[in-house]
Amino acid sequence: MELLSLENEIVSEFEIFDNWMEKYEYLIELGKDLPIIDSAQKTEENLIKGCQSKVWLHAEYMNNKISFSADSEAIITKGIIALLVRVLNNQSPKSILDAKLNFISEIGLTNHLSPTRANGLLEMVKQMKAYAYSLMLKNN
């Protein structure tokens, strides 16, 4: 699915909820549905630096697409990485690098995170784009 379509789908889903308590509950549900990273990939190398809680992110390159898997020990953070994986998973490295990820602000997520979680979100996006850049260079 096209990246922008995925973002619009998420924005529509979040518009259903009346308040941020409901949106947090939905984030938690999304985290529960996240395909969990293989335990062999829960390494120091795959740990995202700058996150308050532990977040592991693994990327694999196949058929000019990047496949992400992730996990976190914190339920809200796991929901946040689940959103990012949903949008960026199985996209080309160029699409990932060019992604503006406007859905994050459109659903109001940046305004409703603590400063440490907001920093963690930024670090997740940076790491996903770094993987895309690295894998693009390695495979071209």
N, C-alpha and C. Protein backbone atom coordinates (compact mmCIF):
# COMPACT_ATOMS: atom_id res chain seq x y z
N MET A 1 0.85 -1.18 0.00
CA MET A 1 0.00 0.00 0.00
C MET A 1 0.89 1.24 0.00
N GLU A 2 0.43 2.27 -0.67
CA GLU A 2 1.20 3.51 -0.76
C GLU A 2 1.29 4.17 0.62
N LEU A 3 2.44 4.74 0.87
CA LEU A 3 2.74 5.35 2.16
C LEU A 3 1.70 6.40 2.56
N LEU A 4 1.34 7.29 1.66
CA LEU A 4 0.39 8.34 1.97
C LEU A 4 -0.99 7.76 2.29
N SER A 5 -1.37 6.70 1.60
CA SER A 5 -2.65 6.04 1.88
C SER A 5 -2.67 5.47 3.30
N LEU A 6 -1.54 4.87 3.69
CA LEU A 6 -1.44 4.33 5.04
C LEU A 6 -1.55 5.44 6.09
N GLU A 7 -0.89 6.56 5.83
CA GLU A 7 -0.97 7.69 6.76
C GLU A 7 -2.41 8.19 6.88
N ASN A 8 -3.09 8.34 5.74
CA ASN A 8 -4.48 8.82 5.75
C ASN A 8 -5.40 7.85 6.47
N GLU A 9 -5.13 6.55 6.33
CA GLU A 9 -5.91 5.53 7.02
C GLU A 9 -5.80 5.69 8.54
N ILE A 10 -4.58 5.93 9.00
CA ILE A 10 -4.34 6.12 10.44
C ILE A 10 -5.03 7.39 10.94
N VAL A 11 -4.94 8.47 10.17
CA VAL A 11 -5.60 9.72 10.57
C VAL A 11 -7.11 9.48 10.71
N SER A 12 -7.69 8.77 9.76
CA SER A 12 -9.13 8.46 9.81
C SER A 12 -9.48 7.63 11.04
N GLU A 13 -8.65 6.66 11.35
CA GLU A 13 -8.89 5.82 12.53
C GLU A 13 -8.88 6.64 13.81
N PHE A 14 -7.94 7.57 13.93
CA PHE A 14 -7.83 8.36 15.15
C PHE A 14 -8.93 9.41 15.27
N GLU A 15 -9.54 9.80 14.14
CA GLU A 15 -10.63 10.78 14.17
C GLU A 15 -11.88 10.21 14.83
N ILE A 16 -11.98 8.90 14.91
CA ILE A 16 -13.13 8.25 15.52
C ILE A 16 -13.22 8.56 17.01
N PHE A 17 -12.07 8.73 17.66
CA PHE A 17 -12.03 8.87 19.11
C PHE A 17 -12.26 10.31 19.55
N ASP A 18 -13.00 10.46 20.66
CA ASP A 18 -13.37 11.77 21.16
C ASP A 18 -12.30 12.43 22.03
N ASN A 19 -11.49 11.62 22.69
CA ASN A 19 -10.50 12.20 23.60
C ASN A 19 -9.21 11.39 23.58
N TRP A 20 -8.21 11.95 24.26
CA TRP A 20 -6.89 11.30 24.21
C TRP A 20 -6.80 10.03 25.06
N MET A 21 -7.66 9.87 26.02
CA MET A 21 -7.64 8.60 26.76
C MET A 21 -8.00 7.45 25.81
N GLU A 22 -9.01 7.68 24.98
CA GLU A 22 -9.41 6.66 24.00
C GLU A 22 -8.31 6.43 22.97
N LYS A 23 -7.63 7.51 22.57
CA LYS A 23 -6.54 7.39 21.59
C LYS A 23 -5.36 6.62 22.20
N TYR A 24 -5.07 6.85 23.46
CA TYR A 24 -4.01 6.08 24.14
C TYR A 24 -4.37 4.60 24.20
N GLU A 25 -5.65 4.33 24.50
CA GLU A 25 -6.10 2.93 24.55
C GLU A 25 -5.94 2.27 23.19
N TYR A 26 -6.23 3.02 22.13
CA TYR A 26 -6.07 2.50 20.77
C TYR A 26 -4.59 2.24 20.47
N LEU A 27 -3.73 3.17 20.89
CA LEU A 27 -2.28 2.98 20.71
C LEU A 27 -1.82 1.69 21.39
N ILE A 28 -2.34 1.44 22.59
CA ILE A 28 -1.99 0.23 23.33
C ILE A 28 -2.44 -1.00 22.55
N GLU A 29 -3.64 -0.95 21.98
CA GLU A 29 -4.14 -2.07 21.16
C GLU A 29 -3.26 -2.30 19.94
N LEU A 30 -2.85 -1.21 19.29
CA LEU A 30 -1.96 -1.33 18.13
C LEU A 30 -0.64 -1.98 18.53
N GLY A 31 -0.15 -1.63 19.70
CA GLY A 31 1.08 -2.23 20.19
C GLY A 31 0.94 -3.72 20.42
N LYS A 32 -0.23 -4.14 20.90
CA LYS A 32 -0.47 -5.57 21.14
C LYS A 32 -0.49 -6.35 19.83
N ASP A 33 -0.88 -5.69 18.73
CA ASP A 33 -0.96 -6.34 17.43
C ASP A 33 0.35 -6.30 16.64
N LEU A 34 1.35 -5.61 17.18
CA LEU A 34 2.64 -5.49 16.49
C LEU A 34 3.31 -6.85 16.38
N PRO A 35 3.65 -7.25 15.15
CA PRO A 35 4.42 -8.50 15.02
C PRO A 35 5.75 -8.33 15.77
N ILE A 36 5.98 -9.18 16.73
CA ILE A 36 7.13 -9.01 17.62
C ILE A 36 8.42 -9.40 16.93
N ILE A 37 9.42 -8.63 17.22
CA ILE A 37 10.76 -8.88 16.71
C ILE A 37 11.25 -10.24 17.21
N ASP A 38 11.97 -10.93 16.39
CA ASP A 38 12.56 -12.21 16.79
C ASP A 38 13.47 -11.97 17.99
N SER A 39 13.42 -12.83 18.97
CA SER A 39 14.21 -12.63 20.19
C SER A 39 15.70 -12.54 19.90
N ALA A 40 16.15 -13.17 18.82
CA ALA A 40 17.56 -13.08 18.43
C ALA A 40 17.93 -11.66 17.97
N GLN A 41 16.92 -10.87 17.62
CA GLN A 41 17.16 -9.50 17.17
C GLN A 41 17.07 -8.48 18.31
N LYS A 42 16.75 -8.95 19.50
CA LYS A 42 16.72 -8.04 20.66
C LYS A 42 18.14 -7.88 21.19
N THR A 43 18.92 -7.18 20.38
CA THR A 43 20.33 -6.98 20.70
C THR A 43 20.60 -5.51 21.02
N GLU A 44 21.73 -5.26 21.59
CA GLU A 44 22.16 -3.90 21.88
C GLU A 44 22.22 -3.08 20.58
N GLU A 45 22.65 -3.73 19.51
CA GLU A 45 22.76 -3.07 18.21
C GLU A 45 21.40 -2.59 17.68
N ASN A 46 20.34 -3.32 17.98
CA ASN A 46 19.00 -2.97 17.51
C ASN A 46 18.22 -2.11 18.50
N LEU A 47 18.83 -1.76 19.60
CA LEU A 47 18.19 -0.91 20.60
C LEU A 47 18.27 0.54 20.13
N ILE A 48 17.14 1.24 20.14
CA ILE A 48 17.12 2.63 19.71
C ILE A 48 17.62 3.50 20.86
N LYS A 49 18.67 4.24 20.57
CA LYS A 49 19.26 5.14 21.56
C LYS A 49 18.38 6.38 21.69
N GLY A 50 18.25 6.90 22.89
CA GLY A 50 17.49 8.12 23.10
C GLY A 50 16.05 7.90 23.52
N CYS A 51 15.64 6.66 23.61
CA CYS A 51 14.29 6.35 24.09
C CYS A 51 14.35 6.09 25.59
N GLN A 52 13.36 6.57 26.29
CA GLN A 52 13.30 6.38 27.74
C GLN A 52 13.15 4.89 28.07
N SER A 53 12.29 4.21 27.33
CA SER A 53 12.12 2.78 27.53
C SER A 53 12.84 2.04 26.39
N LYS A 54 13.05 0.76 26.59
CA LYS A 54 13.76 -0.02 25.58
C LYS A 54 12.88 -0.25 24.36
N VAL A 55 13.42 0.06 23.19
CA VAL A 55 12.75 -0.18 21.92
C VAL A 55 13.78 -0.83 21.00
N TRP A 56 13.41 -2.01 20.51
CA TRP A 56 14.28 -2.70 19.55
C TRP A 56 13.67 -2.57 18.17
N LEU A 57 14.52 -2.31 17.18
CA LEU A 57 14.07 -2.18 15.81
C LEU A 57 15.05 -2.92 14.91
N HIS A 58 14.50 -3.79 14.07
CA HIS A 58 15.32 -4.54 13.13
C HIS A 58 14.80 -4.28 11.72
N ALA A 59 15.71 -4.18 10.77
CA ALA A 59 15.33 -3.94 9.38
C ALA A 59 16.01 -4.96 8.48
N GLU A 60 15.27 -5.44 7.49
CA GLU A 60 15.81 -6.35 6.47
C GLU A 60 15.44 -5.82 5.11
N TYR A 61 16.34 -5.99 4.16
CA TYR A 61 16.13 -5.52 2.80
C TYR A 61 15.82 -6.71 1.90
N MET A 62 14.66 -6.67 1.24
CA MET A 62 14.27 -7.74 0.31
C MET A 62 13.47 -7.13 -0.83
N ASN A 63 13.86 -7.46 -2.07
CA ASN A 63 13.13 -7.00 -3.25
C ASN A 63 12.91 -5.49 -3.28
N ASN A 64 13.96 -4.75 -2.99
CA ASN A 64 13.94 -3.29 -2.98
C ASN A 64 12.95 -2.70 -1.96
N LYS A 65 12.61 -3.47 -0.96
CA LYS A 65 11.72 -3.01 0.11
C LYS A 65 12.39 -3.31 1.45
N ILE A 66 12.04 -2.52 2.44
CA ILE A 66 12.57 -2.75 3.78
C ILE A 66 11.46 -3.28 4.67
N SER A 67 11.77 -4.36 5.35
CA SER A 67 10.84 -4.98 6.28
C SER A 67 11.33 -4.68 7.70
N PHE A 68 10.45 -4.09 8.50
CA PHE A 68 10.80 -3.75 9.88
C PHE A 68 10.09 -4.68 10.86
N SER A 69 10.76 -4.99 11.94
CA SER A 69 10.13 -5.64 13.08
C SER A 69 10.63 -4.89 14.32
N ALA A 70 9.79 -4.88 15.35
CA ALA A 70 10.12 -4.06 16.52
C ALA A 70 9.44 -4.61 17.76
N ASP A 71 9.87 -4.10 18.90
CA ASP A 71 9.25 -4.41 20.17
C ASP A 71 9.67 -3.34 21.18
N SER A 72 8.89 -3.20 22.22
CA SER A 72 9.23 -2.30 23.32
C SER A 72 8.66 -2.88 24.60
N GLU A 73 9.28 -2.54 25.72
CA GLU A 73 8.77 -3.00 27.00
C GLU A 73 7.69 -2.07 27.55
N ALA A 74 7.52 -0.88 26.96
CA ALA A 74 6.51 0.07 27.41
C ALA A 74 5.32 0.05 26.44
N ILE A 75 4.11 -0.03 26.98
CA ILE A 75 2.94 -0.26 26.13
C ILE A 75 2.61 0.91 25.19
N ILE A 76 2.73 2.14 25.65
CA ILE A 76 2.46 3.29 24.76
C ILE A 76 3.54 3.37 23.70
N THR A 77 4.78 3.20 24.10
CA THR A 77 5.90 3.24 23.16
C THR A 77 5.77 2.14 22.11
N LYS A 78 5.31 0.99 22.53
CA LYS A 78 5.10 -0.11 21.59
C LYS A 78 4.02 0.26 20.57
N GLY A 79 3.00 0.97 21.01
CA GLY A 79 1.97 1.45 20.09
C GLY A 79 2.51 2.46 19.10
N ILE A 80 3.40 3.33 19.57
CA ILE A 80 4.00 4.34 18.69
C ILE A 80 4.86 3.68 17.62
N ILE A 81 5.70 2.73 18.02
CA ILE A 81 6.55 2.06 17.02
C ILE A 81 5.68 1.21 16.09
N ALA A 82 4.56 0.70 16.59
CA ALA A 82 3.65 -0.06 15.73
C ALA A 82 3.09 0.83 14.62
N LEU A 83 2.76 2.08 14.95
CA LEU A 83 2.29 3.02 13.93
C LEU A 83 3.36 3.27 12.87
N LEU A 84 4.58 3.49 13.32
CA LEU A 84 5.67 3.75 12.39
C LEU A 84 5.96 2.55 11.50
N VAL A 85 5.95 1.36 12.10
CA VAL A 85 6.18 0.13 11.33
C VAL A 85 5.05 -0.03 10.31
N ARG A 86 3.83 0.23 10.73
CA ARG A 86 2.69 0.08 9.81
C ARG A 86 2.84 0.95 8.56
N VAL A 87 3.33 2.17 8.74
CA VAL A 87 3.47 3.09 7.62
C VAL A 87 4.72 2.80 6.78
N LEU A 88 5.83 2.50 7.44
CA LEU A 88 7.11 2.40 6.72
C LEU A 88 7.48 0.97 6.31
N ASN A 89 6.80 -0.01 6.84
CA ASN A 89 7.11 -1.40 6.52
C ASN A 89 6.83 -1.70 5.05
N ASN A 90 7.71 -2.47 4.43
CA ASN A 90 7.57 -2.89 3.02
C ASN A 90 7.51 -1.71 2.06
N GLN A 91 8.24 -0.67 2.38
CA GLN A 91 8.39 0.48 1.49
C GLN A 91 9.82 0.48 0.95
N SER A 92 10.03 1.18 -0.14
CA SER A 92 11.38 1.29 -0.69
C SER A 92 12.20 2.23 0.19
N PRO A 93 13.51 2.07 0.18
CA PRO A 93 14.35 2.99 0.97
C PRO A 93 14.09 4.46 0.62
N LYS A 94 13.94 4.75 -0.68
CA LYS A 94 13.68 6.13 -1.09
C LYS A 94 12.37 6.65 -0.52
N SER A 95 11.33 5.83 -0.55
CA SER A 95 10.03 6.24 0.02
C SER A 95 10.16 6.54 1.51
N ILE A 96 10.92 5.72 2.20
CA ILE A 96 11.12 5.92 3.65
C ILE A 96 11.88 7.22 3.90
N LEU A 97 12.94 7.43 3.12
CA LEU A 97 13.73 8.64 3.30
C LEU A 97 12.93 9.90 2.96
N ASP A 98 12.05 9.81 1.97
CA ASP A 98 11.25 10.97 1.55
C ASP A 98 10.00 11.17 2.41
N ALA A 99 9.66 10.20 3.24
CA ALA A 99 8.42 10.26 4.02
C ALA A 99 8.42 11.45 4.97
N LYS A 100 7.36 12.23 4.90
CA LYS A 100 7.21 13.39 5.80
C LYS A 100 6.55 12.97 7.12
N LEU A 101 5.79 11.87 7.08
CA LEU A 101 5.11 11.34 8.27
C LEU A 101 4.22 12.39 8.93
N ASN A 102 3.47 13.11 8.11
CA ASN A 102 2.57 14.15 8.61
C ASN A 102 1.47 13.61 9.51
N PHE A 103 1.18 12.32 9.39
CA PHE A 103 0.12 11.74 10.22
C PHE A 103 0.41 11.92 11.71
N ILE A 104 1.68 11.97 12.07
CA ILE A 104 2.05 12.10 13.48
C ILE A 104 1.46 13.38 14.08
N SER A 105 1.62 14.49 13.38
CA SER A 105 1.05 15.75 13.88
C SER A 105 -0.44 15.83 13.62
N GLU A 106 -0.90 15.24 12.50
CA GLU A 106 -2.34 15.29 12.17
C GLU A 106 -3.20 14.58 13.20
N ILE A 107 -2.69 13.51 13.80
CA ILE A 107 -3.49 12.83 14.83
C ILE A 107 -3.27 13.47 16.20
N GLY A 108 -2.36 14.44 16.28
CA GLY A 108 -2.12 15.16 17.53
C GLY A 108 -1.14 14.47 18.46
N LEU A 109 -0.45 13.47 17.93
CA LEU A 109 0.44 12.69 18.79
C LEU A 109 1.55 13.53 19.40
N THR A 110 2.16 14.40 18.62
CA THR A 110 3.27 15.20 19.14
C THR A 110 2.85 16.11 20.28
N ASN A 111 1.59 16.54 20.27
CA ASN A 111 1.10 17.43 21.34
C ASN A 111 0.71 16.69 22.60
N HIS A 112 0.60 15.37 22.53
CA HIS A 112 0.12 14.61 23.68
C HIS A 112 1.15 13.61 24.22
N LEU A 113 2.39 13.84 23.90
CA LEU A 113 3.45 13.00 24.45
C LEU A 113 4.29 13.79 25.42
N SER A 114 4.81 13.13 26.42
CA SER A 114 5.74 13.78 27.33
C SER A 114 7.00 14.12 26.52
N PRO A 115 7.80 15.07 26.99
CA PRO A 115 9.02 15.42 26.26
C PRO A 115 9.94 14.21 26.02
N THR A 116 10.02 13.30 26.98
CA THR A 116 10.90 12.14 26.78
C THR A 116 10.32 11.18 25.73
N ARG A 117 8.99 11.01 25.70
CA ARG A 117 8.38 10.16 24.68
C ARG A 117 8.48 10.81 23.30
N ALA A 118 8.31 12.14 23.25
CA ALA A 118 8.42 12.86 21.98
C ALA A 118 9.84 12.71 21.43
N ASN A 119 10.83 12.77 22.31
CA ASN A 119 12.21 12.57 21.89
C ASN A 119 12.40 11.13 21.40
N GLY A 120 11.79 10.18 22.08
CA GLY A 120 11.87 8.79 21.67
C GLY A 120 11.26 8.57 20.30
N LEU A 121 10.12 9.23 20.04
CA LEU A 121 9.47 9.15 18.73
C LEU A 121 10.41 9.66 17.64
N LEU A 122 11.04 10.79 17.90
CA LEU A 122 11.99 11.36 16.95
C LEU A 122 13.14 10.39 16.68
N GLU A 123 13.63 9.75 17.74
CA GLU A 123 14.73 8.79 17.59
C GLU A 123 14.30 7.56 16.79
N MET A 124 13.05 7.12 16.97
CA MET A 124 12.53 5.98 16.20
C MET A 124 12.52 6.31 14.72
N VAL A 125 11.99 7.49 14.39
CA VAL A 125 11.93 7.92 12.99
C VAL A 125 13.34 8.03 12.42
N LYS A 126 14.24 8.65 13.18
CA LYS A 126 15.62 8.79 12.71
C LYS A 126 16.27 7.44 12.45
N GLN A 127 16.03 6.47 13.33
CA GLN A 127 16.63 5.15 13.17
C GLN A 127 16.06 4.43 11.94
N MET A 128 14.77 4.55 11.72
CA MET A 128 14.15 3.90 10.55
C MET A 128 14.70 4.50 9.26
N LYS A 129 14.86 5.82 9.25
CA LYS A 129 15.42 6.48 8.07
C LYS A 129 16.91 6.15 7.91
N ALA A 130 17.62 6.00 9.02
CA ALA A 130 19.04 5.62 8.95
C ALA A 130 19.18 4.21 8.37
N TYR A 131 18.32 3.29 8.79
CA TYR A 131 18.32 1.95 8.20
C TYR A 131 18.06 2.03 6.70
N ALA A 132 17.08 2.83 6.30
CA ALA A 132 16.74 2.97 4.88
C ALA A 132 17.93 3.49 4.09
N TYR A 133 18.59 4.51 4.62
CA TYR A 133 19.75 5.09 3.94
C TYR A 133 20.89 4.07 3.83
N SER A 134 21.17 3.42 4.92
CA SER A 134 22.25 2.42 4.96
C SER A 134 21.98 1.27 4.01
N LEU A 135 20.76 0.74 4.03
CA LEU A 135 20.41 -0.40 3.17
C LEU A 135 20.36 0.01 1.70
N MET A 136 19.97 1.25 1.43
CA MET A 136 19.95 1.75 0.05
C MET A 136 21.39 1.81 -0.49
N LEU A 137 22.29 2.35 0.30
CA LEU A 137 23.69 2.46 -0.13
C LEU A 137 24.32 1.07 -0.32
N LYS A 138 24.02 0.21 0.61
CA LYS A 138 24.61 -1.14 0.59
C LYS A 138 24.12 -1.95 -0.62
N ASN A 139 22.90 -1.71 -1.07
CA ASN A 139 22.30 -2.52 -2.13
C ASN A 139 22.28 -1.84 -3.49
N ASN A 140 22.93 -0.71 -3.61
CA ASN A 140 23.02 -0.04 -4.93
C ASN A 140 24.44 -0.01 -5.43
